[in-house]
């Protein structure tokens, strides 16, 4: 049975992957604990999921047709720091980290382009990857929020006879009332004005009088 001290020391050991021409292996003094720590870091549900994700990260770390240990260590560290909570988050975070690595690789190619064709190719690829990354962040945030809207109301005052309605106008709308001024800030929402019933009644009465005349 593993002692408490040995277990603590094992958990404090750096989590690394050793690459070889034949594949890769988790470099940890306790192989079983090393696999568990790697699964926790990647947000993998079980051993098979952990090895599958790790294999994909190894392939995504390739630099010069070979897996790069430095790239791989960075990618694992980034996934671990984002803390994926389930399998969906784990896959999305792995994609995010891979897209970032590829974007920085394209940035390097752009900086070292030797002609206009290389510059245009690297620039277009970098632009697509740069737009993909924030979209992935938004997808992760929405998934973590279970797709619900973010509604925050602060210091809202309503005068006599006024009506205050806060609700969902469109899906995933964010309605934010700030106390920095009288004008509310509304994000991704369509503002539908509330008709004045008194004005409507006067308008109808004027219309009837005009018709009678």
N, C-alpha and C. Protein backbone atom coordinates (compact mmCIF):
# COMPACT_ATOMS: atom_id res chain seq x y z
N UNK A 1 0.84 -1.20 0.00
CA UNK A 1 0.00 0.00 0.00
C UNK A 1 0.87 1.25 0.00
N UNK A 2 0.52 2.24 -0.81
CA UNK A 2 1.32 3.43 -0.93
C UNK A 2 1.15 4.31 0.30
N UNK A 3 2.27 4.75 0.87
CA UNK A 3 2.21 5.58 2.07
C UNK A 3 1.73 6.97 1.70
N UNK A 4 1.22 7.70 2.71
CA UNK A 4 0.72 9.05 2.47
C UNK A 4 1.81 9.98 2.01
N UNK A 5 3.03 9.79 2.60
CA UNK A 5 4.13 10.67 2.21
C UNK A 5 4.54 10.40 0.77
N UNK A 6 4.61 9.12 0.39
CA UNK A 6 5.01 8.78 -0.97
C UNK A 6 3.98 9.31 -1.97
N UNK A 7 2.70 9.21 -1.59
CA UNK A 7 1.67 9.70 -2.48
C UNK A 7 1.77 11.21 -2.66
N UNK A 8 2.05 11.93 -1.56
CA UNK A 8 2.20 13.38 -1.64
C UNK A 8 3.39 13.76 -2.49
N UNK A 9 4.50 13.05 -2.30
CA UNK A 9 5.69 13.35 -3.09
C UNK A 9 5.45 13.06 -4.56
N UNK A 10 4.70 11.97 -4.83
CA UNK A 10 4.42 11.62 -6.22
C UNK A 10 3.55 12.67 -6.89
N UNK A 11 2.57 13.21 -6.14
CA UNK A 11 1.70 14.22 -6.72
C UNK A 11 2.43 15.53 -6.95
N UNK A 12 3.49 15.79 -6.20
CA UNK A 12 4.27 17.00 -6.37
C UNK A 12 5.31 16.87 -7.48
N UNK A 13 5.54 15.64 -7.97
CA UNK A 13 6.51 15.44 -9.03
C UNK A 13 6.01 16.09 -10.32
N UNK A 14 6.93 16.68 -11.12
CA UNK A 14 6.50 17.32 -12.36
C UNK A 14 5.86 16.31 -13.31
N UNK A 15 4.81 16.73 -13.98
CA UNK A 15 4.09 15.86 -14.90
C UNK A 15 4.69 16.06 -16.29
N UNK A 16 5.41 15.06 -16.78
CA UNK A 16 6.10 15.17 -18.05
C UNK A 16 5.83 13.95 -18.91
N UNK A 17 6.04 14.13 -20.21
CA UNK A 17 5.87 13.05 -21.18
C UNK A 17 7.21 12.84 -21.87
N UNK A 18 7.65 11.60 -21.90
CA UNK A 18 8.91 11.26 -22.55
C UNK A 18 8.61 10.76 -23.96
N UNK A 19 9.22 11.42 -24.94
CA UNK A 19 9.03 11.05 -26.34
C UNK A 19 10.15 10.12 -26.79
N UNK A 20 9.80 9.21 -27.68
CA UNK A 20 10.79 8.28 -28.25
C UNK A 20 10.37 7.98 -29.69
N UNK A 21 11.28 7.40 -30.50
CA UNK A 21 10.91 7.04 -31.88
C UNK A 21 9.74 6.06 -31.95
N UNK A 22 9.48 5.36 -30.86
CA UNK A 22 8.42 4.35 -30.85
C UNK A 22 7.11 4.87 -30.27
N UNK A 23 7.12 6.07 -29.75
CA UNK A 23 5.89 6.60 -29.16
C UNK A 23 6.18 7.55 -28.02
N UNK A 24 5.41 7.46 -26.95
CA UNK A 24 5.58 8.33 -25.81
C UNK A 24 5.19 7.58 -24.54
N UNK A 25 5.63 8.11 -23.42
CA UNK A 25 5.30 7.52 -22.12
C UNK A 25 5.26 8.63 -21.09
N UNK A 26 4.38 8.49 -20.11
CA UNK A 26 4.30 9.46 -19.01
C UNK A 26 5.49 9.22 -18.09
N UNK A 27 6.29 10.24 -17.93
CA UNK A 27 7.51 10.13 -17.12
C UNK A 27 7.18 10.51 -15.68
N UNK A 28 6.95 9.48 -14.86
CA UNK A 28 6.59 9.71 -13.46
C UNK A 28 7.11 8.54 -12.63
N UNK A 29 7.60 8.81 -11.42
CA UNK A 29 8.13 7.71 -10.60
C UNK A 29 7.10 6.63 -10.27
N UNK A 30 5.84 7.01 -10.23
CA UNK A 30 4.75 6.06 -9.98
C UNK A 30 3.87 6.02 -11.23
N UNK A 31 4.01 4.98 -12.08
CA UNK A 31 3.26 4.95 -13.35
C UNK A 31 1.75 5.07 -13.17
N UNK A 32 1.20 4.39 -12.17
CA UNK A 32 -0.24 4.45 -11.97
C UNK A 32 -0.70 5.84 -11.57
N UNK A 33 0.04 6.43 -10.63
CA UNK A 33 -0.30 7.79 -10.21
C UNK A 33 -0.06 8.78 -11.33
N UNK A 34 0.98 8.55 -12.13
CA UNK A 34 1.25 9.43 -13.25
C UNK A 34 0.12 9.46 -14.24
N UNK A 35 -0.47 8.30 -14.53
CA UNK A 35 -1.61 8.25 -15.44
C UNK A 35 -2.82 8.98 -14.87
N UNK A 36 -3.03 8.81 -13.56
CA UNK A 36 -4.16 9.49 -12.93
C UNK A 36 -3.98 11.00 -12.95
N UNK A 37 -2.77 11.47 -12.68
CA UNK A 37 -2.50 12.90 -12.70
C UNK A 37 -2.66 13.46 -14.11
N UNK A 38 -2.22 12.70 -15.11
CA UNK A 38 -2.36 13.16 -16.49
C UNK A 38 -3.83 13.21 -16.88
N UNK A 39 -4.61 12.21 -16.47
CA UNK A 39 -6.04 12.21 -16.77
C UNK A 39 -6.72 13.42 -16.12
N UNK A 40 -6.34 13.72 -14.88
CA UNK A 40 -6.91 14.89 -14.20
C UNK A 40 -6.53 16.18 -14.92
N UNK A 41 -5.27 16.27 -15.37
CA UNK A 41 -4.80 17.48 -16.04
C UNK A 41 -5.52 17.71 -17.36
N UNK A 42 -5.81 16.63 -18.10
CA UNK A 42 -6.44 16.75 -19.40
C UNK A 42 -7.97 16.74 -19.32
N UNK A 43 -8.51 16.49 -18.15
CA UNK A 43 -9.96 16.40 -18.01
C UNK A 43 -10.53 15.14 -18.63
N UNK A 44 -9.73 14.09 -18.71
CA UNK A 44 -10.15 12.83 -19.33
C UNK A 44 -10.95 12.00 -18.35
N UNK A 45 -11.97 11.30 -18.87
CA UNK A 45 -12.85 10.52 -18.00
C UNK A 45 -12.22 9.20 -17.56
N UNK A 46 -11.36 8.63 -18.39
CA UNK A 46 -10.75 7.35 -18.06
C UNK A 46 -9.40 7.22 -18.76
N UNK A 47 -8.79 6.06 -18.59
CA UNK A 47 -7.44 5.84 -19.12
C UNK A 47 -7.42 5.91 -20.65
N UNK A 48 -8.41 5.32 -21.31
CA UNK A 48 -8.45 5.34 -22.77
C UNK A 48 -8.60 6.76 -23.30
N UNK A 49 -9.47 7.54 -22.67
CA UNK A 49 -9.65 8.93 -23.10
C UNK A 49 -8.37 9.72 -22.89
N UNK A 50 -7.68 9.48 -21.78
CA UNK A 50 -6.44 10.19 -21.49
C UNK A 50 -5.38 9.89 -22.54
N UNK A 51 -5.19 8.60 -22.87
CA UNK A 51 -4.18 8.24 -23.86
C UNK A 51 -4.56 8.77 -25.24
N UNK A 52 -5.85 8.75 -25.58
CA UNK A 52 -6.28 9.29 -26.87
C UNK A 52 -5.99 10.77 -26.99
N UNK A 53 -6.33 11.55 -25.96
CA UNK A 53 -6.08 12.98 -26.00
C UNK A 53 -4.60 13.29 -26.00
N UNK A 54 -3.84 12.54 -25.22
CA UNK A 54 -2.40 12.77 -25.16
C UNK A 54 -1.77 12.47 -26.52
N UNK A 55 -2.24 11.43 -27.18
CA UNK A 55 -1.72 11.08 -28.51
C UNK A 55 -2.02 12.21 -29.50
N UNK A 56 -3.20 12.79 -29.41
CA UNK A 56 -3.54 13.90 -30.31
C UNK A 56 -2.69 15.13 -30.04
N UNK A 57 -2.43 15.41 -28.76
CA UNK A 57 -1.57 16.55 -28.42
C UNK A 57 -0.14 16.32 -28.91
N UNK A 58 0.33 15.09 -28.82
CA UNK A 58 1.68 14.77 -29.32
C UNK A 58 1.76 15.07 -30.81
N UNK A 59 0.75 14.67 -31.57
CA UNK A 59 0.75 14.93 -33.01
C UNK A 59 0.64 16.41 -33.31
N UNK A 60 -0.15 17.14 -32.51
CA UNK A 60 -0.30 18.57 -32.73
C UNK A 60 0.96 19.35 -32.37
N UNK A 61 1.83 18.75 -31.58
CA UNK A 61 3.06 19.44 -31.16
C UNK A 61 4.18 19.33 -32.19
N UNK A 62 3.92 18.61 -33.27
CA UNK A 62 4.97 18.33 -34.26
C UNK A 62 5.61 19.61 -34.77
N UNK A 63 6.91 19.60 -34.83
CA UNK A 63 7.68 20.71 -35.37
C UNK A 63 8.80 20.12 -36.21
N UNK A 64 8.78 20.40 -37.50
CA UNK A 64 9.78 19.79 -38.36
C UNK A 64 9.57 18.30 -38.54
N UNK A 65 8.32 17.88 -38.62
CA UNK A 65 7.91 16.49 -38.85
C UNK A 65 8.20 15.57 -37.67
N UNK A 66 8.54 16.13 -36.53
CA UNK A 66 8.76 15.33 -35.33
C UNK A 66 8.04 15.96 -34.14
N UNK A 67 7.48 15.15 -33.25
CA UNK A 67 6.88 15.71 -32.03
C UNK A 67 7.92 16.51 -31.25
N UNK A 68 7.51 17.64 -30.74
CA UNK A 68 8.41 18.54 -30.02
C UNK A 68 8.09 18.50 -28.53
N UNK A 69 9.06 18.09 -27.72
CA UNK A 69 8.84 17.93 -26.29
C UNK A 69 8.50 19.26 -25.61
N UNK A 70 9.13 20.33 -26.06
CA UNK A 70 8.87 21.64 -25.46
C UNK A 70 7.45 22.09 -25.78
N UNK A 71 7.04 21.95 -27.04
CA UNK A 71 5.67 22.29 -27.43
C UNK A 71 4.66 21.46 -26.64
N UNK A 72 4.94 20.17 -26.53
CA UNK A 72 4.02 19.27 -25.84
C UNK A 72 3.88 19.64 -24.37
N UNK A 73 5.01 19.92 -23.71
CA UNK A 73 4.95 20.31 -22.30
C UNK A 73 4.14 21.60 -22.12
N UNK A 74 4.32 22.55 -23.04
CA UNK A 74 3.55 23.79 -22.99
C UNK A 74 2.06 23.52 -23.15
N UNK A 75 1.71 22.68 -24.12
CA UNK A 75 0.30 22.40 -24.39
C UNK A 75 -0.37 21.71 -23.21
N UNK A 76 0.32 20.74 -22.62
CA UNK A 76 -0.24 20.05 -21.45
C UNK A 76 -0.42 21.03 -20.30
N UNK A 77 0.57 21.90 -20.10
CA UNK A 77 0.49 22.88 -19.02
C UNK A 77 -0.68 23.83 -19.23
N UNK A 78 -0.92 24.26 -20.47
CA UNK A 78 -2.03 25.16 -20.75
C UNK A 78 -3.38 24.48 -20.53
N UNK A 79 -3.51 23.24 -21.00
CA UNK A 79 -4.76 22.50 -20.77
C UNK A 79 -5.01 22.36 -19.27
N UNK A 80 -3.96 22.02 -18.53
CA UNK A 80 -4.10 21.86 -17.08
C UNK A 80 -4.54 23.15 -16.42
N UNK A 81 -3.99 24.29 -16.87
CA UNK A 81 -4.31 25.57 -16.23
C UNK A 81 -5.75 26.01 -16.51
N UNK A 82 -6.32 25.61 -17.65
CA UNK A 82 -7.71 25.96 -17.97
C UNK A 82 -8.70 25.09 -17.21
N UNK A 83 -8.24 23.92 -16.76
CA UNK A 83 -9.04 23.02 -15.92
C UNK A 83 -10.34 22.56 -16.60
N UNK A 84 -10.24 21.77 -17.66
CA UNK A 84 -11.47 21.24 -18.27
C UNK A 84 -12.24 20.37 -17.28
N UNK A 85 -13.58 20.55 -17.25
CA UNK A 85 -14.39 19.88 -16.25
C UNK A 85 -15.02 18.57 -16.71
N UNK A 86 -15.10 18.34 -18.03
CA UNK A 86 -15.67 17.10 -18.53
C UNK A 86 -15.08 16.81 -19.90
N UNK A 87 -15.58 15.77 -20.58
CA UNK A 87 -15.01 15.36 -21.85
C UNK A 87 -15.18 16.40 -22.93
N UNK A 88 -16.31 17.09 -22.96
CA UNK A 88 -16.53 18.13 -23.97
C UNK A 88 -15.55 19.27 -23.77
N UNK A 89 -15.41 19.73 -22.55
CA UNK A 89 -14.45 20.79 -22.27
C UNK A 89 -13.03 20.34 -22.58
N UNK A 90 -12.71 19.07 -22.28
CA UNK A 90 -11.37 18.56 -22.53
C UNK A 90 -11.04 18.62 -24.02
N UNK A 91 -11.98 18.19 -24.87
CA UNK A 91 -11.73 18.23 -26.31
C UNK A 91 -11.63 19.65 -26.83
N UNK A 92 -12.50 20.54 -26.34
CA UNK A 92 -12.48 21.92 -26.79
C UNK A 92 -11.20 22.63 -26.35
N UNK A 93 -10.78 22.40 -25.13
CA UNK A 93 -9.55 23.03 -24.63
C UNK A 93 -8.34 22.52 -25.40
N UNK A 94 -8.30 21.23 -25.71
CA UNK A 94 -7.19 20.68 -26.50
C UNK A 94 -7.14 21.34 -27.87
N UNK A 95 -8.31 21.59 -28.48
CA UNK A 95 -8.35 22.29 -29.76
C UNK A 95 -7.86 23.72 -29.61
N UNK A 96 -8.27 24.38 -28.54
CA UNK A 96 -7.84 25.76 -28.32
C UNK A 96 -6.33 25.87 -28.23
N UNK A 97 -5.74 24.98 -27.45
CA UNK A 97 -4.29 25.01 -27.27
C UNK A 97 -3.59 24.70 -28.60
N UNK A 98 -4.11 23.74 -29.35
CA UNK A 98 -3.51 23.39 -30.64
C UNK A 98 -3.61 24.54 -31.62
N UNK A 99 -4.76 25.22 -31.65
CA UNK A 99 -4.93 26.37 -32.54
C UNK A 99 -3.95 27.48 -32.18
N UNK A 100 -3.75 27.71 -30.90
CA UNK A 100 -2.79 28.73 -30.48
C UNK A 100 -1.39 28.38 -30.95
N UNK A 101 -0.98 27.13 -30.78
CA UNK A 101 0.37 26.72 -31.21
C UNK A 101 0.52 26.91 -32.72
N UNK A 102 -0.49 26.53 -33.49
CA UNK A 102 -0.42 26.69 -34.94
C UNK A 102 -0.41 28.16 -35.33
N UNK A 103 -1.17 28.99 -34.60
CA UNK A 103 -1.19 30.42 -34.90
C UNK A 103 0.19 31.03 -34.69
N UNK A 104 0.84 30.67 -33.60
CA UNK A 104 2.17 31.21 -33.34
C UNK A 104 3.19 30.68 -34.36
N UNK A 105 2.98 29.47 -34.84
CA UNK A 105 3.85 28.92 -35.89
C UNK A 105 3.67 29.71 -37.17
N UNK A 106 2.41 30.05 -37.49
CA UNK A 106 2.15 30.88 -38.68
C UNK A 106 2.75 32.28 -38.51
N UNK A 107 2.70 32.80 -37.30
CA UNK A 107 3.31 34.11 -37.04
C UNK A 107 4.81 34.07 -37.29
N UNK A 108 5.43 32.96 -36.90
CA UNK A 108 6.87 32.79 -37.15
C UNK A 108 7.14 32.74 -38.66
N UNK A 109 6.32 31.97 -39.41
CA UNK A 109 6.50 31.89 -40.86
C UNK A 109 6.29 33.25 -41.52
N UNK A 110 5.31 34.01 -41.01
CA UNK A 110 5.05 35.34 -41.56
C UNK A 110 6.24 36.26 -41.34
N UNK A 111 6.83 36.19 -40.16
CA UNK A 111 7.97 37.05 -39.85
C UNK A 111 9.20 36.69 -40.67
N UNK A 112 9.26 35.44 -41.13
CA UNK A 112 10.44 34.99 -41.89
C UNK A 112 10.12 34.73 -43.36
N UNK A 113 9.00 35.28 -43.83
CA UNK A 113 8.63 35.09 -45.24
C UNK A 113 9.69 35.69 -46.15
N UNK A 114 10.00 34.95 -47.21
CA UNK A 114 11.04 35.38 -48.14
C UNK A 114 10.47 36.05 -49.39
N UNK A 115 9.18 35.89 -49.64
CA UNK A 115 8.58 36.53 -50.80
C UNK A 115 7.11 36.83 -50.51
N UNK A 116 6.44 37.48 -51.43
CA UNK A 116 5.05 37.90 -51.25
C UNK A 116 4.13 36.69 -51.11
N UNK A 117 4.39 35.63 -51.87
CA UNK A 117 3.53 34.45 -51.81
C UNK A 117 3.56 33.82 -50.42
N UNK A 118 4.74 33.66 -49.85
CA UNK A 118 4.85 33.10 -48.51
C UNK A 118 4.21 34.03 -47.48
N UNK A 119 4.40 35.32 -47.68
CA UNK A 119 3.81 36.29 -46.74
C UNK A 119 2.29 36.23 -46.78
N UNK A 120 1.70 36.16 -47.97
CA UNK A 120 0.25 36.10 -48.10
C UNK A 120 -0.30 34.80 -47.51
N UNK A 121 0.37 33.68 -47.79
CA UNK A 121 -0.09 32.38 -47.29
C UNK A 121 -0.08 32.34 -45.77
N UNK A 122 1.05 32.76 -45.18
CA UNK A 122 1.17 32.75 -43.72
C UNK A 122 0.20 33.75 -43.09
N UNK A 123 0.01 34.90 -43.75
CA UNK A 123 -0.89 35.92 -43.21
C UNK A 123 -2.33 35.45 -43.20
N UNK A 124 -2.77 34.79 -44.27
CA UNK A 124 -4.15 34.30 -44.32
C UNK A 124 -4.38 33.21 -43.27
N UNK A 125 -3.42 32.29 -43.15
CA UNK A 125 -3.56 31.22 -42.16
C UNK A 125 -3.58 31.79 -40.74
N UNK A 126 -2.72 32.76 -40.48
CA UNK A 126 -2.68 33.38 -39.16
C UNK A 126 -3.99 34.09 -38.86
N UNK A 127 -4.56 34.77 -39.85
CA UNK A 127 -5.83 35.46 -39.64
C UNK A 127 -6.96 34.50 -39.30
N UNK A 128 -7.04 33.38 -40.01
CA UNK A 128 -8.10 32.40 -39.73
C UNK A 128 -7.95 31.81 -38.34
N UNK A 129 -6.73 31.46 -37.97
CA UNK A 129 -6.50 30.87 -36.65
C UNK A 129 -6.75 31.89 -35.54
N UNK A 130 -6.36 33.14 -35.79
CA UNK A 130 -6.58 34.19 -34.78
C UNK A 130 -8.06 34.45 -34.56
N UNK A 131 -8.88 34.29 -35.61
CA UNK A 131 -10.33 34.46 -35.44
C UNK A 131 -10.97 33.23 -34.79
N UNK A 132 -10.38 32.08 -35.01
CA UNK A 132 -10.93 30.85 -34.44
C UNK A 132 -10.74 30.81 -32.93
N UNK A 133 -9.61 31.28 -32.45
CA UNK A 133 -9.30 31.14 -31.02
C UNK A 133 -10.31 31.86 -30.12
N UNK A 134 -10.63 33.13 -30.33
CA UNK A 134 -11.63 33.76 -29.47
C UNK A 134 -13.01 33.12 -29.61
N UNK A 135 -13.34 32.58 -30.80
CA UNK A 135 -14.61 31.88 -30.95
C UNK A 135 -14.64 30.63 -30.07
N UNK A 136 -13.50 29.97 -29.96
CA UNK A 136 -13.43 28.80 -29.09
C UNK A 136 -13.57 29.20 -27.62
N UNK A 137 -12.98 30.30 -27.24
CA UNK A 137 -13.11 30.78 -25.87
C UNK A 137 -14.58 31.08 -25.55
N UNK A 138 -15.27 31.73 -26.50
CA UNK A 138 -16.68 32.03 -26.30
C UNK A 138 -17.50 30.75 -26.18
N UNK A 139 -17.18 29.76 -27.01
CA UNK A 139 -17.90 28.48 -26.95
C UNK A 139 -17.69 27.80 -25.61
N UNK A 140 -16.46 27.85 -25.10
CA UNK A 140 -16.17 27.24 -23.80
C UNK A 140 -16.93 27.95 -22.69
N UNK A 141 -16.93 29.28 -22.72
CA UNK A 141 -17.63 30.04 -21.68
C UNK A 141 -19.13 29.76 -21.72
N UNK A 142 -19.71 29.68 -22.91
CA UNK A 142 -21.14 29.42 -23.02
C UNK A 142 -21.47 28.00 -22.55
N UNK A 143 -20.61 27.07 -22.88
CA UNK A 143 -20.85 25.70 -22.43
C UNK A 143 -20.77 25.61 -20.91
N UNK A 144 -19.80 26.31 -20.32
CA UNK A 144 -19.68 26.30 -18.86
C UNK A 144 -20.86 27.00 -18.20
N UNK A 145 -21.45 27.95 -18.88
CA UNK A 145 -22.64 28.62 -18.35
C UNK A 145 -23.92 27.89 -18.72
N UNK A 146 -23.79 26.70 -19.30
CA UNK A 146 -24.95 25.89 -19.73
C UNK A 146 -25.84 26.62 -20.72
N UNK A 147 -25.24 27.52 -21.50
CA UNK A 147 -25.98 28.21 -22.54
C UNK A 147 -26.92 29.28 -22.03
N UNK A 148 -26.89 29.61 -20.74
CA UNK A 148 -27.82 30.60 -20.19
C UNK A 148 -27.33 32.01 -20.39
N UNK A 149 -28.24 32.96 -20.37
CA UNK A 149 -27.86 34.36 -20.53
C UNK A 149 -27.25 34.91 -19.25
N UNK A 150 -26.38 35.89 -19.42
CA UNK A 150 -25.81 36.56 -18.26
C UNK A 150 -26.56 37.86 -18.05
N UNK A 151 -27.31 37.98 -16.97
CA UNK A 151 -28.12 39.16 -16.69
C UNK A 151 -27.69 39.74 -15.35
N UNK A 152 -27.24 40.99 -15.36
CA UNK A 152 -26.81 41.66 -14.14
C UNK A 152 -27.53 42.99 -14.05
N UNK A 153 -28.18 43.26 -12.93
CA UNK A 153 -28.91 44.51 -12.74
C UNK A 153 -28.37 45.20 -11.50
N UNK A 154 -27.98 46.46 -11.65
CA UNK A 154 -27.44 47.21 -10.52
C UNK A 154 -28.04 48.61 -10.51
N UNK A 155 -28.50 49.03 -9.34
CA UNK A 155 -28.96 50.41 -9.12
C UNK A 155 -29.94 50.88 -10.19
N UNK A 156 -31.04 50.14 -10.34
CA UNK A 156 -32.06 50.52 -11.31
C UNK A 156 -33.16 51.26 -10.57
N UNK A 157 -33.47 52.48 -10.99
CA UNK A 157 -34.54 53.26 -10.37
C UNK A 157 -35.62 53.52 -11.40
N UNK A 158 -36.88 53.41 -10.97
CA UNK A 158 -38.02 53.60 -11.86
C UNK A 158 -38.90 54.69 -11.28
N UNK A 159 -39.22 55.70 -12.10
CA UNK A 159 -40.04 56.80 -11.63
C UNK A 159 -41.51 56.39 -11.50
N UNK A 160 -42.33 57.31 -10.97
CA UNK A 160 -43.76 57.05 -10.81
C UNK A 160 -44.40 56.75 -12.16
N UNK A 161 -45.19 55.69 -12.19
CA UNK A 161 -45.90 55.33 -13.41
C UNK A 161 -45.05 54.61 -14.42
N UNK A 162 -43.78 54.35 -14.12
CA UNK A 162 -42.90 53.68 -15.07
C UNK A 162 -42.91 52.18 -14.87
N UNK A 163 -42.48 51.47 -15.89
CA UNK A 163 -42.39 50.01 -15.85
C UNK A 163 -40.98 49.59 -16.17
N UNK A 164 -40.42 48.69 -15.35
CA UNK A 164 -39.09 48.16 -15.62
C UNK A 164 -39.22 46.68 -15.92
N UNK A 165 -38.76 46.27 -17.09
CA UNK A 165 -38.83 44.87 -17.50
C UNK A 165 -37.43 44.42 -17.89
N UNK A 166 -36.96 43.37 -17.23
CA UNK A 166 -35.67 42.78 -17.57
C UNK A 166 -35.94 41.34 -17.95
N UNK A 167 -35.58 40.93 -19.16
CA UNK A 167 -35.85 39.55 -19.57
C UNK A 167 -35.07 39.22 -20.81
N UNK A 168 -35.24 37.98 -21.26
CA UNK A 168 -34.55 37.51 -22.45
C UNK A 168 -35.27 38.01 -23.69
N UNK A 169 -34.57 38.73 -24.53
CA UNK A 169 -35.15 39.18 -25.78
C UNK A 169 -34.75 38.25 -26.91
N UNK A 170 -33.46 37.85 -26.91
CA UNK A 170 -32.97 36.86 -27.87
C UNK A 170 -32.18 35.83 -27.10
N UNK A 171 -31.94 34.70 -27.75
CA UNK A 171 -31.21 33.63 -27.07
C UNK A 171 -29.78 34.08 -26.80
N UNK A 172 -29.27 33.71 -25.63
CA UNK A 172 -27.93 34.06 -25.20
C UNK A 172 -27.74 35.57 -25.09
N UNK A 173 -28.81 36.30 -24.80
CA UNK A 173 -28.67 37.74 -24.67
C UNK A 173 -28.06 38.08 -23.33
N UNK A 174 -27.30 39.16 -23.31
CA UNK A 174 -26.71 39.66 -22.07
C UNK A 174 -27.22 41.07 -21.84
N UNK A 175 -27.95 41.28 -20.78
CA UNK A 175 -28.51 42.58 -20.47
C UNK A 175 -27.84 43.08 -19.22
N UNK A 176 -27.14 44.20 -19.31
CA UNK A 176 -26.35 44.69 -18.19
C UNK A 176 -26.73 46.14 -17.93
N UNK A 177 -27.20 46.44 -16.74
CA UNK A 177 -27.48 47.80 -16.34
C UNK A 177 -26.33 48.26 -15.47
N UNK A 178 -25.68 49.32 -15.86
CA UNK A 178 -24.53 49.81 -15.11
C UNK A 178 -24.93 51.04 -14.32
N UNK A 179 -24.29 51.23 -13.17
CA UNK A 179 -24.57 52.41 -12.38
C UNK A 179 -23.70 53.59 -12.80
N UNK A 180 -22.89 53.42 -13.86
CA UNK A 180 -22.05 54.50 -14.35
C UNK A 180 -22.83 55.32 -15.37
N UNK A 181 -23.86 55.99 -14.94
CA UNK A 181 -24.66 56.78 -15.84
C UNK A 181 -26.08 56.27 -15.88
N UNK A 182 -26.92 56.98 -16.64
CA UNK A 182 -28.33 56.63 -16.69
C UNK A 182 -28.66 55.73 -17.84
N UNK A 183 -27.73 55.54 -18.78
CA UNK A 183 -28.03 54.76 -19.97
C UNK A 183 -27.61 53.32 -19.75
N UNK A 184 -28.53 52.34 -19.88
CA UNK A 184 -28.15 50.94 -19.71
C UNK A 184 -27.34 50.46 -20.89
N UNK A 185 -26.41 49.52 -20.60
CA UNK A 185 -25.62 48.91 -21.66
C UNK A 185 -26.24 47.58 -21.99
N UNK A 186 -26.59 47.37 -23.25
CA UNK A 186 -27.25 46.14 -23.68
C UNK A 186 -26.37 45.47 -24.71
N UNK A 187 -26.04 44.19 -24.50
CA UNK A 187 -25.17 43.45 -25.39
C UNK A 187 -25.93 42.33 -26.04
N UNK A 188 -25.80 42.23 -27.39
CA UNK A 188 -26.41 41.14 -28.16
C UNK A 188 -27.91 41.01 -27.88
N UNK A 189 -28.58 42.10 -27.67
CA UNK A 189 -30.02 42.04 -27.40
C UNK A 189 -30.73 43.09 -28.22
N UNK A 190 -31.89 42.77 -28.67
CA UNK A 190 -32.72 43.73 -29.39
C UNK A 190 -33.64 44.42 -28.40
N UNK A 191 -33.59 45.73 -28.36
CA UNK A 191 -34.39 46.50 -27.40
C UNK A 191 -35.73 46.82 -28.05
N UNK A 192 -36.80 46.36 -27.47
CA UNK A 192 -38.15 46.58 -27.99
C UNK A 192 -38.83 47.60 -27.09
N UNK A 193 -39.18 48.80 -27.60
CA UNK A 193 -39.79 49.83 -26.75
C UNK A 193 -41.17 49.42 -26.27
N UNK A 194 -41.52 49.85 -25.05
CA UNK A 194 -42.84 49.58 -24.48
C UNK A 194 -43.76 50.73 -24.84
N UNK A 195 -44.84 50.48 -25.57
CA UNK A 195 -45.72 51.59 -26.00
C UNK A 195 -46.39 52.26 -24.81
N UNK A 196 -46.59 53.56 -24.93
CA UNK A 196 -47.28 54.35 -23.91
C UNK A 196 -48.79 54.19 -24.13
N UNK A 197 -49.49 53.57 -23.16
CA UNK A 197 -50.93 53.33 -23.32
C UNK A 197 -51.72 54.63 -23.42
N UNK A 198 -51.30 55.65 -22.66
CA UNK A 198 -52.00 56.93 -22.72
C UNK A 198 -51.89 57.55 -24.09
N UNK A 199 -50.68 57.48 -24.68
CA UNK A 199 -50.48 58.04 -26.00
C UNK A 199 -51.30 57.29 -27.03
N UNK A 200 -51.39 55.95 -26.87
CA UNK A 200 -52.18 55.16 -27.80
C UNK A 200 -53.65 55.56 -27.73
N UNK A 201 -54.18 55.77 -26.51
CA UNK A 201 -55.59 56.14 -26.36
C UNK A 201 -55.88 57.49 -27.00
N UNK A 202 -54.98 58.48 -26.81
CA UNK A 202 -55.15 59.79 -27.43
C UNK A 202 -55.11 59.68 -28.94
N UNK A 203 -54.20 58.85 -29.46
CA UNK A 203 -54.07 58.69 -30.91
C UNK A 203 -55.34 58.08 -31.49
N UNK A 204 -55.89 57.08 -30.79
CA UNK A 204 -57.13 56.45 -31.27
C UNK A 204 -58.28 57.44 -31.26
N UNK A 205 -58.38 58.28 -30.22
CA UNK A 205 -59.45 59.27 -30.13
C UNK A 205 -59.33 60.29 -31.25
N UNK A 206 -58.09 60.74 -31.56
CA UNK A 206 -57.89 61.69 -32.65
C UNK A 206 -58.29 61.09 -33.97
N UNK A 207 -57.98 59.79 -34.13
CA UNK A 207 -58.33 59.11 -35.38
C UNK A 207 -59.82 59.05 -35.57
N UNK A 208 -60.57 58.75 -34.48
CA UNK A 208 -62.04 58.68 -34.57
C UNK A 208 -62.63 60.04 -34.89
N UNK A 209 -62.12 61.10 -34.27
CA UNK A 209 -62.64 62.43 -34.54
C UNK A 209 -62.40 62.83 -35.97
N UNK A 210 -61.23 62.44 -36.51
CA UNK A 210 -60.93 62.77 -37.89
C UNK A 210 -61.86 62.05 -38.84
N UNK A 211 -62.20 60.79 -38.51
CA UNK A 211 -63.09 60.02 -39.37
C UNK A 211 -64.49 60.59 -39.35
N UNK A 212 -64.97 61.05 -38.18
CA UNK A 212 -66.30 61.63 -38.07
C UNK A 212 -66.41 62.95 -38.81
N UNK A 213 -65.32 63.72 -38.81
CA UNK A 213 -65.32 65.00 -39.51
C UNK A 213 -65.41 64.76 -41.02
